[in-house]
């Protein structure tokens, strides 16, 4: 009977997969493994997806409660990742915190880059558009929470040299966005030189 099912399975055009046989306790066990390259995710993709879920969930909690008032178990619960998985993705909580800073830096860049790259608008207007976007954002959240990188700088800057260095890099990268726009404004003559 099994071979008839196997024959039907092999002929079926609806299933993309292969049949594997395992010998567990001397009993054959059969299962189907998806081999569709469009649906199959590599271990690296799955690992990165889980890692990103942990960072995003932890970043939200840290933004609300602060780094020192956020526990690893709370982060894992919020991300839906099993206990014990944290150290598979991060060396320790400080390493995780550094990744949260990188997450917020990337989010900031993704927010401001399109506004600052819009050459149809004058350089100073582009900066005004960024400031207006953040004013609107903070109005919608009731002017709460503050700047996540600024909050981490205040909380962790004096406690951890590694945090301080990473936050400093992040702030310098943010400044770089505006420096190039201000130089452009100076070159256009719409902003005086010092």
N, C-alpha and C. Protein backbone atom coordinates (compact mmCIF):
# COMPACT_ATOMS: atom_id res chain seq x y z
N UNK A 1 0.83 -1.19 0.00
CA UNK A 1 0.00 0.00 0.00
C UNK A 1 0.87 1.26 0.00
N UNK A 2 1.95 1.23 0.76
CA UNK A 2 2.82 2.39 0.82
C UNK A 2 3.41 2.73 -0.54
N UNK A 3 3.81 1.72 -1.29
CA UNK A 3 4.44 1.99 -2.58
C UNK A 3 3.45 2.60 -3.56
N UNK A 4 2.19 2.25 -3.45
CA UNK A 4 1.19 2.90 -4.30
C UNK A 4 1.09 4.38 -3.96
N UNK A 5 1.13 4.68 -2.68
CA UNK A 5 1.10 6.09 -2.27
C UNK A 5 2.35 6.82 -2.75
N UNK A 6 3.48 6.13 -2.65
CA UNK A 6 4.72 6.73 -3.11
C UNK A 6 4.66 7.01 -4.60
N UNK A 7 4.15 6.06 -5.35
CA UNK A 7 4.01 6.22 -6.79
C UNK A 7 3.11 7.41 -7.11
N UNK A 8 1.99 7.52 -6.39
CA UNK A 8 1.08 8.65 -6.60
C UNK A 8 1.77 9.97 -6.25
N UNK A 9 2.49 9.92 -5.17
CA UNK A 9 3.19 11.13 -4.75
C UNK A 9 4.19 11.59 -5.81
N UNK A 10 4.97 10.66 -6.32
CA UNK A 10 5.99 11.00 -7.30
C UNK A 10 5.37 11.54 -8.58
N UNK A 11 4.18 11.08 -8.91
CA UNK A 11 3.53 11.54 -10.14
C UNK A 11 2.78 12.85 -9.95
N UNK A 12 2.51 13.21 -8.72
CA UNK A 12 1.70 14.39 -8.46
C UNK A 12 2.44 15.66 -8.88
N UNK A 13 1.74 16.51 -9.63
CA UNK A 13 2.32 17.78 -10.05
C UNK A 13 2.05 18.87 -9.01
N UNK A 14 1.17 18.60 -8.06
CA UNK A 14 0.82 19.61 -7.07
C UNK A 14 1.88 19.78 -6.01
N UNK A 15 2.62 18.73 -5.69
CA UNK A 15 3.60 18.80 -4.61
C UNK A 15 5.00 18.92 -5.19
N UNK A 16 5.74 19.84 -4.64
CA UNK A 16 7.15 19.94 -4.97
C UNK A 16 7.87 19.47 -3.72
N UNK A 17 8.57 18.38 -3.82
CA UNK A 17 9.22 17.89 -2.62
C UNK A 17 9.92 16.59 -2.88
N UNK A 18 10.50 16.08 -1.88
CA UNK A 18 11.15 14.79 -1.95
C UNK A 18 10.74 13.96 -0.76
N UNK A 19 10.84 12.66 -0.93
CA UNK A 19 10.48 11.75 0.14
C UNK A 19 11.77 11.25 0.76
N UNK A 20 11.83 11.32 2.05
CA UNK A 20 13.02 10.83 2.75
C UNK A 20 12.59 9.74 3.71
N UNK A 21 13.49 8.82 3.94
CA UNK A 21 13.21 7.73 4.86
C UNK A 21 14.20 7.79 6.01
N UNK A 22 13.69 7.77 7.21
CA UNK A 22 14.51 7.73 8.40
C UNK A 22 14.23 6.45 9.15
N UNK A 23 15.20 5.91 9.78
CA UNK A 23 15.01 4.72 10.60
C UNK A 23 15.11 5.14 12.06
N UNK A 24 13.97 5.40 12.66
CA UNK A 24 13.92 5.78 14.06
C UNK A 24 13.29 4.62 14.80
N UNK A 25 14.04 4.03 15.72
CA UNK A 25 13.57 2.86 16.48
C UNK A 25 13.11 1.74 15.55
N UNK A 26 13.82 1.59 14.43
CA UNK A 26 13.57 0.52 13.46
C UNK A 26 12.19 0.61 12.81
N UNK A 27 11.58 1.77 12.89
CA UNK A 27 10.31 1.96 12.19
C UNK A 27 10.53 3.00 11.12
N UNK A 28 10.08 2.77 9.90
CA UNK A 28 10.25 3.80 8.86
C UNK A 28 9.36 4.99 9.12
N UNK A 29 9.93 6.17 8.95
CA UNK A 29 9.19 7.41 9.10
C UNK A 29 9.38 8.17 7.80
N UNK A 30 8.31 8.63 7.24
CA UNK A 30 8.37 9.33 5.96
C UNK A 30 7.88 10.76 6.15
N UNK A 31 8.54 11.67 5.49
CA UNK A 31 8.08 13.05 5.51
C UNK A 31 8.44 13.71 4.20
N UNK A 32 7.80 14.83 3.95
CA UNK A 32 8.02 15.58 2.72
C UNK A 32 8.80 16.84 3.08
N UNK A 33 9.83 17.10 2.32
CA UNK A 33 10.60 18.32 2.52
C UNK A 33 10.39 19.21 1.32
N UNK A 34 10.07 20.45 1.57
CA UNK A 34 9.84 21.41 0.50
C UNK A 34 11.17 21.73 -0.17
N UNK A 35 11.21 21.59 -1.48
CA UNK A 35 12.44 21.91 -2.21
C UNK A 35 12.22 23.05 -3.20
N UNK A 36 11.10 23.73 -3.09
CA UNK A 36 10.84 24.86 -3.96
C UNK A 36 11.77 26.00 -3.56
N UNK A 37 12.68 26.42 -4.44
CA UNK A 37 13.65 27.46 -4.06
C UNK A 37 12.99 28.79 -3.75
N UNK A 38 11.77 29.01 -4.25
CA UNK A 38 11.09 30.26 -3.95
C UNK A 38 10.52 30.26 -2.54
N UNK A 39 10.27 29.10 -1.98
CA UNK A 39 9.67 29.02 -0.66
C UNK A 39 10.66 28.63 0.42
N UNK A 40 11.73 27.98 0.05
CA UNK A 40 12.67 27.50 1.04
C UNK A 40 13.58 28.64 1.49
N UNK A 41 13.72 28.78 2.78
CA UNK A 41 14.60 29.80 3.33
C UNK A 41 15.85 29.13 3.84
N UNK A 42 16.97 29.75 3.59
CA UNK A 42 18.22 29.19 4.08
C UNK A 42 18.32 29.40 5.58
N UNK A 43 19.19 28.64 6.20
CA UNK A 43 19.42 28.79 7.63
C UNK A 43 19.87 30.19 7.98
N UNK A 44 20.66 30.80 7.11
CA UNK A 44 21.14 32.15 7.35
C UNK A 44 19.98 33.14 7.33
N UNK A 45 19.06 32.99 6.35
CA UNK A 45 17.90 33.87 6.27
C UNK A 45 17.03 33.73 7.51
N UNK A 46 16.80 32.49 7.93
CA UNK A 46 15.97 32.25 9.11
C UNK A 46 16.64 32.82 10.35
N UNK A 47 17.95 32.64 10.46
CA UNK A 47 18.68 33.16 11.62
C UNK A 47 18.59 34.68 11.63
N UNK A 48 18.79 35.31 10.48
CA UNK A 48 18.73 36.77 10.41
C UNK A 48 17.33 37.28 10.72
N UNK A 49 16.30 36.56 10.25
CA UNK A 49 14.92 36.95 10.54
C UNK A 49 14.62 36.89 12.03
N UNK A 50 15.07 35.84 12.69
CA UNK A 50 14.85 35.70 14.12
C UNK A 50 15.64 36.77 14.87
N UNK A 51 16.86 36.97 14.47
CA UNK A 51 17.70 37.99 15.10
C UNK A 51 17.05 39.37 14.98
N UNK A 52 16.53 39.66 13.80
CA UNK A 52 15.86 40.95 13.57
C UNK A 52 14.62 41.08 14.46
N UNK A 53 13.85 39.99 14.60
CA UNK A 53 12.67 40.02 15.47
C UNK A 53 13.05 40.35 16.90
N UNK A 54 14.13 39.75 17.38
CA UNK A 54 14.59 40.01 18.75
C UNK A 54 15.02 41.47 18.89
N UNK A 55 15.77 41.97 17.92
CA UNK A 55 16.24 43.36 17.98
C UNK A 55 15.06 44.33 17.94
N UNK A 56 14.12 44.11 17.05
CA UNK A 56 12.98 45.03 16.93
C UNK A 56 12.13 45.04 18.19
N UNK A 57 11.86 43.85 18.74
CA UNK A 57 11.07 43.78 19.97
C UNK A 57 11.82 44.42 21.13
N UNK A 58 13.10 44.11 21.25
CA UNK A 58 13.91 44.68 22.32
C UNK A 58 14.06 46.18 22.18
N UNK A 59 14.21 46.66 20.96
CA UNK A 59 14.36 48.09 20.74
C UNK A 59 13.11 48.84 21.21
N UNK A 60 11.94 48.28 20.91
CA UNK A 60 10.69 48.92 21.36
C UNK A 60 10.63 49.00 22.89
N UNK A 61 10.98 47.90 23.53
CA UNK A 61 10.91 47.87 25.00
C UNK A 61 11.95 48.80 25.60
N UNK A 62 13.17 48.76 25.09
CA UNK A 62 14.23 49.64 25.60
C UNK A 62 13.84 51.10 25.40
N UNK A 63 13.22 51.41 24.28
CA UNK A 63 12.80 52.80 24.03
C UNK A 63 11.77 53.24 25.05
N UNK A 64 10.93 52.33 25.51
CA UNK A 64 9.90 52.66 26.50
C UNK A 64 10.43 52.66 27.93
N UNK A 65 11.25 51.66 28.26
CA UNK A 65 11.65 51.44 29.66
C UNK A 65 13.10 51.76 29.97
N UNK A 66 13.93 51.84 28.94
CA UNK A 66 15.36 52.02 29.16
C UNK A 66 16.09 50.69 29.11
N UNK A 67 17.38 50.78 28.87
CA UNK A 67 18.21 49.58 28.72
C UNK A 67 18.28 48.78 30.01
N UNK A 68 18.58 49.45 31.11
CA UNK A 68 18.78 48.75 32.38
C UNK A 68 17.49 48.18 32.97
N UNK A 69 16.34 48.68 32.55
CA UNK A 69 15.07 48.19 33.07
C UNK A 69 14.42 47.18 32.13
N UNK A 70 15.17 46.72 31.15
CA UNK A 70 14.65 45.74 30.19
C UNK A 70 15.41 44.44 30.37
N UNK A 71 14.67 43.37 30.58
CA UNK A 71 15.29 42.06 30.77
C UNK A 71 15.30 41.22 29.50
N UNK A 72 16.23 40.31 29.44
CA UNK A 72 16.36 39.44 28.28
C UNK A 72 15.11 38.57 28.10
N UNK A 73 14.59 38.03 29.20
CA UNK A 73 13.38 37.20 29.09
C UNK A 73 12.21 38.00 28.56
N UNK A 74 12.10 39.25 28.96
CA UNK A 74 11.03 40.12 28.47
C UNK A 74 11.16 40.34 26.96
N UNK A 75 12.39 40.51 26.50
CA UNK A 75 12.65 40.71 25.07
C UNK A 75 12.27 39.45 24.29
N UNK A 76 12.69 38.29 24.80
CA UNK A 76 12.40 37.04 24.10
C UNK A 76 10.89 36.77 24.06
N UNK A 77 10.22 37.06 25.16
CA UNK A 77 8.76 36.86 25.19
C UNK A 77 8.07 37.78 24.18
N UNK A 78 8.49 39.03 24.12
CA UNK A 78 7.88 39.98 23.19
C UNK A 78 8.17 39.62 21.73
N UNK A 79 9.32 38.99 21.48
CA UNK A 79 9.68 38.63 20.11
C UNK A 79 9.14 37.27 19.71
N UNK A 80 8.61 36.50 20.68
CA UNK A 80 8.08 35.18 20.38
C UNK A 80 9.17 34.15 20.13
N UNK A 81 10.36 34.41 20.64
CA UNK A 81 11.49 33.51 20.45
C UNK A 81 11.67 32.70 21.74
N UNK A 82 11.95 31.41 21.63
CA UNK A 82 12.07 30.58 22.83
C UNK A 82 13.19 31.04 23.76
N UNK A 83 12.97 30.77 25.05
CA UNK A 83 14.00 31.08 26.04
C UNK A 83 15.27 30.34 25.68
N UNK A 84 16.37 30.95 25.98
CA UNK A 84 17.65 30.32 25.70
C UNK A 84 18.20 30.64 24.33
N UNK A 85 17.38 31.23 23.47
CA UNK A 85 17.82 31.54 22.11
C UNK A 85 18.66 32.81 22.03
N UNK A 86 18.55 33.64 23.03
CA UNK A 86 19.21 34.94 23.01
C UNK A 86 20.71 34.81 22.74
N UNK A 87 21.35 33.89 23.45
CA UNK A 87 22.81 33.77 23.35
C UNK A 87 23.26 33.05 22.08
N UNK A 88 22.32 32.55 21.33
CA UNK A 88 22.65 32.02 20.00
C UNK A 88 22.87 33.18 19.03
N UNK A 89 22.17 34.28 19.26
CA UNK A 89 22.20 35.43 18.35
C UNK A 89 23.11 36.57 18.84
N UNK A 90 23.32 36.65 20.15
CA UNK A 90 24.10 37.75 20.72
C UNK A 90 25.05 37.20 21.78
N UNK A 91 26.22 37.82 21.88
CA UNK A 91 27.20 37.37 22.87
C UNK A 91 26.72 37.62 24.29
N UNK A 92 26.10 38.77 24.50
CA UNK A 92 25.61 39.16 25.82
C UNK A 92 24.64 40.33 25.63
N UNK A 93 24.14 40.86 26.73
CA UNK A 93 23.17 41.94 26.62
C UNK A 93 23.81 43.21 26.04
N UNK A 94 25.08 43.44 26.36
CA UNK A 94 25.75 44.62 25.80
C UNK A 94 25.86 44.51 24.28
N UNK A 95 26.21 43.33 23.78
CA UNK A 95 26.26 43.11 22.32
C UNK A 95 24.88 43.37 21.72
N UNK A 96 23.85 42.90 22.39
CA UNK A 96 22.49 43.15 21.93
C UNK A 96 22.21 44.66 21.90
N UNK A 97 22.59 45.36 22.96
CA UNK A 97 22.36 46.81 23.02
C UNK A 97 23.06 47.55 21.90
N UNK A 98 24.26 47.11 21.55
CA UNK A 98 25.00 47.71 20.44
C UNK A 98 24.23 47.51 19.14
N UNK A 99 23.62 46.33 18.98
CA UNK A 99 22.82 46.04 17.78
C UNK A 99 21.55 46.89 17.76
N UNK A 100 21.01 47.20 18.93
CA UNK A 100 19.83 48.08 19.01
C UNK A 100 20.22 49.49 18.53
N UNK A 101 21.39 49.96 18.93
CA UNK A 101 21.87 51.27 18.46
C UNK A 101 21.97 51.25 16.93
N UNK A 102 22.55 50.19 16.38
CA UNK A 102 22.67 50.06 14.92
C UNK A 102 21.29 50.03 14.27
N UNK A 103 20.34 49.36 14.91
CA UNK A 103 18.96 49.29 14.40
C UNK A 103 18.35 50.70 14.32
N UNK A 104 18.50 51.46 15.38
CA UNK A 104 17.94 52.81 15.39
C UNK A 104 18.68 53.73 14.42
N UNK A 105 19.97 53.54 14.28
CA UNK A 105 20.72 54.34 13.31
C UNK A 105 20.22 54.07 11.90
N UNK A 106 20.00 52.80 11.59
CA UNK A 106 19.49 52.44 10.27
C UNK A 106 18.09 53.01 10.05
N UNK A 107 17.24 52.92 11.07
CA UNK A 107 15.87 53.46 10.96
C UNK A 107 15.92 54.97 10.71
N UNK A 108 16.82 55.65 11.41
CA UNK A 108 16.97 57.08 11.21
C UNK A 108 17.40 57.39 9.78
N UNK A 109 18.41 56.65 9.32
CA UNK A 109 18.91 56.86 7.95
C UNK A 109 17.81 56.63 6.92
N UNK A 110 17.02 55.58 7.12
CA UNK A 110 15.94 55.28 6.18
C UNK A 110 14.87 56.36 6.19
N UNK A 111 14.72 57.03 7.31
CA UNK A 111 13.73 58.11 7.41
C UNK A 111 14.23 59.39 6.75
N UNK A 112 15.46 59.78 7.06
CA UNK A 112 15.94 61.08 6.59
C UNK A 112 16.55 61.05 5.19
N UNK A 113 17.11 59.93 4.79
CA UNK A 113 17.80 59.87 3.50
C UNK A 113 16.91 60.33 2.34
N UNK A 114 15.68 59.81 2.20
CA UNK A 114 14.86 60.27 1.06
C UNK A 114 14.54 61.77 1.13
N UNK A 115 14.36 62.29 2.33
CA UNK A 115 14.05 63.71 2.46
C UNK A 115 15.27 64.58 2.13
N UNK A 116 16.43 64.12 2.53
CA UNK A 116 17.64 64.91 2.28
C UNK A 116 18.19 64.74 0.87
N UNK A 117 17.80 63.69 0.19
CA UNK A 117 18.28 63.45 -1.18
C UNK A 117 17.38 64.09 -2.23
N UNK A 118 16.28 64.68 -1.81
CA UNK A 118 15.32 65.27 -2.74
C UNK A 118 15.87 66.58 -3.30
N UNK A 119 16.59 66.50 -4.40
CA UNK A 119 17.25 67.68 -4.97
C UNK A 119 16.27 68.65 -5.63
N UNK A 120 15.02 68.28 -5.74
CA UNK A 120 14.02 69.21 -6.28
C UNK A 120 13.70 70.29 -5.25
N UNK A 121 14.15 70.08 -4.03
CA UNK A 121 13.90 71.02 -2.93
C UNK A 121 15.25 71.62 -2.51
N UNK A 122 15.24 72.88 -2.12
CA UNK A 122 16.48 73.54 -1.71
C UNK A 122 17.08 72.82 -0.49
N UNK A 123 18.38 72.93 -0.29
CA UNK A 123 19.02 72.23 0.83
C UNK A 123 18.43 72.58 2.20
N UNK A 124 18.20 73.86 2.45
CA UNK A 124 17.66 74.25 3.74
C UNK A 124 16.22 73.77 3.92
N UNK A 125 15.46 73.72 2.84
CA UNK A 125 14.09 73.20 2.90
C UNK A 125 14.11 71.70 3.19
N UNK A 126 15.11 70.99 2.67
CA UNK A 126 15.23 69.55 2.95
C UNK A 126 15.44 69.32 4.44
N UNK A 127 16.30 70.12 5.05
CA UNK A 127 16.51 70.00 6.49
C UNK A 127 15.22 70.33 7.24
N UNK A 128 14.53 71.37 6.79
CA UNK A 128 13.25 71.73 7.41
C UNK A 128 12.24 70.59 7.29
N UNK A 129 12.24 69.91 6.15
CA UNK A 129 11.33 68.78 5.95
C UNK A 129 11.62 67.64 6.94
N UNK A 130 12.90 67.39 7.21
CA UNK A 130 13.27 66.37 8.20
C UNK A 130 12.78 66.78 9.58
N UNK A 131 13.03 68.02 9.94
CA UNK A 131 12.59 68.51 11.25
C UNK A 131 11.07 68.46 11.37
N UNK A 132 10.36 68.84 10.31
CA UNK A 132 8.90 68.77 10.32
C UNK A 132 8.40 67.33 10.47
N UNK A 133 9.07 66.40 9.81
CA UNK A 133 8.68 64.99 9.91
C UNK A 133 8.82 64.51 11.35
N UNK A 134 9.90 64.90 12.01
CA UNK A 134 10.08 64.48 13.41
C UNK A 134 9.14 65.21 14.35
N UNK A 135 8.85 66.45 14.08
CA UNK A 135 7.85 67.17 14.90
C UNK A 135 6.51 66.45 14.78
N UNK A 136 6.11 66.11 13.56
CA UNK A 136 4.84 65.39 13.36
C UNK A 136 4.87 64.04 14.07
N UNK A 137 5.98 63.34 13.96
CA UNK A 137 6.10 62.03 14.62
C UNK A 137 5.91 62.17 16.13
N UNK A 138 6.60 63.12 16.73
CA UNK A 138 6.51 63.27 18.18
C UNK A 138 5.14 63.80 18.61
N UNK A 139 4.49 64.59 17.77
CA UNK A 139 3.11 65.01 18.08
C UNK A 139 2.19 63.80 18.14
N UNK A 140 2.36 62.85 17.20
CA UNK A 140 1.47 61.68 17.16
C UNK A 140 1.68 60.74 18.35
N UNK A 141 2.86 60.77 18.96
CA UNK A 141 3.09 59.90 20.13
C UNK A 141 3.06 60.70 21.43
N UNK A 142 2.48 61.88 21.37
CA UNK A 142 2.30 62.68 22.58
C UNK A 142 3.61 63.19 23.18
N UNK A 143 4.57 63.45 22.34
CA UNK A 143 5.88 63.95 22.77
C UNK A 143 6.49 63.08 23.86
N UNK A 144 6.31 61.77 23.72
CA UNK A 144 6.88 60.84 24.70
C UNK A 144 8.03 60.07 24.07
N UNK A 145 8.73 59.35 24.87
CA UNK A 145 9.81 58.44 24.50
C UNK A 145 11.13 59.13 24.15
N UNK A 146 11.12 60.17 23.37
CA UNK A 146 12.36 60.85 23.02
C UNK A 146 13.14 60.14 21.93
N UNK A 147 14.36 60.59 21.73
CA UNK A 147 15.25 60.01 20.73
C UNK A 147 15.86 58.74 21.31
N UNK A 148 15.67 57.60 20.65
CA UNK A 148 16.19 56.36 21.23
C UNK A 148 17.71 56.35 21.38
N UNK A 149 18.43 56.92 20.44
CA UNK A 149 19.89 56.95 20.54
C UNK A 149 20.30 57.96 21.63
N UNK A 150 19.61 59.08 21.70
CA UNK A 150 19.88 60.06 22.76
C UNK A 150 19.60 59.47 24.14
N UNK A 151 18.51 58.73 24.25
CA UNK A 151 18.18 58.09 25.53
C UNK A 151 19.27 57.10 25.94
N UNK A 152 19.71 56.28 24.99
CA UNK A 152 20.77 55.31 25.29
C UNK A 152 22.08 56.01 25.62
N UNK A 153 22.35 57.13 24.97
CA UNK A 153 23.56 57.88 25.27
C UNK A 153 23.54 58.38 26.72
N UNK A 154 22.38 58.89 27.15
CA UNK A 154 22.27 59.38 28.52
C UNK A 154 22.35 58.25 29.53
N UNK A 155 21.73 57.12 29.21
CA UNK A 155 21.70 56.01 30.17
C UNK A 155 23.00 55.22 30.22
N UNK A 156 23.61 54.98 29.05
CA UNK A 156 24.73 54.06 28.98
C UNK A 156 26.08 54.71 28.67
N UNK A 157 26.08 55.95 28.24
CA UNK A 157 27.31 56.59 27.80
C UNK A 157 28.41 56.61 28.85
N UNK A 158 28.06 56.79 30.10
CA UNK A 158 29.06 56.83 31.17
C UNK A 158 29.36 55.45 31.75
N UNK A 159 28.51 54.47 31.45
CA UNK A 159 28.66 53.15 32.07
C UNK A 159 29.44 52.16 31.23
N UNK A 160 29.40 52.32 29.93
CA UNK A 160 30.02 51.34 29.05
C UNK A 160 30.82 52.03 27.94
N UNK A 161 32.13 51.85 27.93
CA UNK A 161 32.93 52.44 26.86
C UNK A 161 32.53 51.94 25.47
N UNK A 162 32.12 50.67 25.39
CA UNK A 162 31.71 50.10 24.10
C UNK A 162 30.44 50.80 23.62
N UNK A 163 29.47 50.98 24.52
CA UNK A 163 28.25 51.71 24.17
C UNK A 163 28.58 53.13 23.75
N UNK A 164 29.40 53.78 24.55
CA UNK A 164 29.75 55.18 24.26
C UNK A 164 30.36 55.31 22.87
N UNK A 165 31.27 54.41 22.53
CA UNK A 165 31.92 54.46 21.21
C UNK A 165 30.91 54.23 20.10
N UNK A 166 30.02 53.25 20.26
CA UNK A 166 29.04 52.94 19.21
C UNK A 166 28.03 54.07 19.05
N UNK A 167 27.60 54.65 20.16
CA UNK A 167 26.67 55.77 20.09
C UNK A 167 27.34 56.98 19.44
N UNK A 168 28.60 57.19 19.76
CA UNK A 168 29.35 58.29 19.16
C UNK A 168 29.44 58.11 17.64
N UNK A 169 29.71 56.89 17.19
CA UNK A 169 29.74 56.61 15.74
C UNK A 169 28.38 56.94 15.12
N UNK A 170 27.34 56.53 15.80
CA UNK A 170 25.99 56.75 15.29
C UNK A 170 25.68 58.24 15.16
N UNK A 171 26.02 58.98 16.18
CA UNK A 171 25.76 60.43 16.15
C UNK A 171 26.58 61.08 15.04
N UNK A 172 27.82 60.67 14.87
CA UNK A 172 28.65 61.24 13.79
C UNK A 172 28.04 60.94 12.42
N UNK A 173 27.50 59.76 12.26
CA UNK A 173 26.86 59.42 10.97
C UNK A 173 25.62 60.28 10.74
N UNK A 174 24.88 60.57 11.81
CA UNK A 174 23.72 61.44 11.67
C UNK A 174 24.16 62.85 11.29
N UNK A 175 25.21 63.31 11.92
CA UNK A 175 25.73 64.65 11.61
C UNK A 175 26.18 64.71 10.16
N UNK A 176 26.78 63.63 9.67
CA UNK A 176 27.25 63.59 8.28
C UNK A 176 26.12 63.86 7.29
N UNK A 177 24.91 63.38 7.59
CA UNK A 177 23.77 63.65 6.70
C UNK A 177 23.60 65.15 6.52
N UNK A 178 23.64 65.88 7.61
CA UNK A 178 23.37 67.31 7.57
C UNK A 178 24.57 68.11 7.08
N UNK A 179 25.75 67.65 7.37
CA UNK A 179 26.95 68.36 6.95
C UNK A 179 26.99 68.53 5.43
N UNK A 180 26.70 67.45 4.71
CA UNK A 180 26.74 67.54 3.25
C UNK A 180 25.65 68.47 2.71
N UNK A 181 24.50 68.47 3.35
CA UNK A 181 23.41 69.36 2.91
C UNK A 181 23.78 70.81 3.20
N UNK A 182 24.37 71.07 4.36
CA UNK A 182 24.77 72.44 4.69
C UNK A 182 25.89 72.93 3.77
N UNK A 183 26.82 72.05 3.41
CA UNK A 183 27.86 72.42 2.44
C UNK A 183 27.24 72.78 1.10
N UNK A 184 26.25 71.99 0.70
CA UNK A 184 25.55 72.28 -0.55
C UNK A 184 24.89 73.65 -0.49
N UNK A 185 24.27 73.97 0.65
CA UNK A 185 23.62 75.28 0.81
C UNK A 185 24.64 76.40 0.74
N UNK A 186 25.82 76.18 1.34
CA UNK A 186 26.87 77.20 1.27
C UNK A 186 27.36 77.40 -0.16
N UNK A 187 27.53 76.30 -0.89
CA UNK A 187 27.97 76.38 -2.27
C UNK A 187 26.96 77.09 -3.15
N UNK A 188 25.68 76.98 -2.83
CA UNK A 188 24.63 77.65 -3.59
C UNK A 188 24.47 79.10 -3.16
N UNK A 189 25.13 79.47 -2.07
CA UNK A 189 25.06 80.86 -1.59
C UNK A 189 23.82 81.17 -0.79
N UNK A 190 23.08 80.13 -0.36
CA UNK A 190 21.87 80.39 0.43
C UNK A 190 22.14 80.32 1.93
N UNK A 191 23.40 80.06 2.27
CA UNK A 191 23.78 80.03 3.68
C UNK A 191 25.19 80.59 3.77
N UNK A 192 25.38 81.57 4.66
CA UNK A 192 26.70 82.20 4.73
C UNK A 192 27.75 81.24 5.29
N UNK A 193 28.98 81.46 4.86
CA UNK A 193 30.11 80.70 5.42
C UNK A 193 30.40 81.25 6.80
N UNK A 194 31.04 80.47 7.61
CA UNK A 194 31.37 80.94 8.97
C UNK A 194 32.37 82.04 8.93
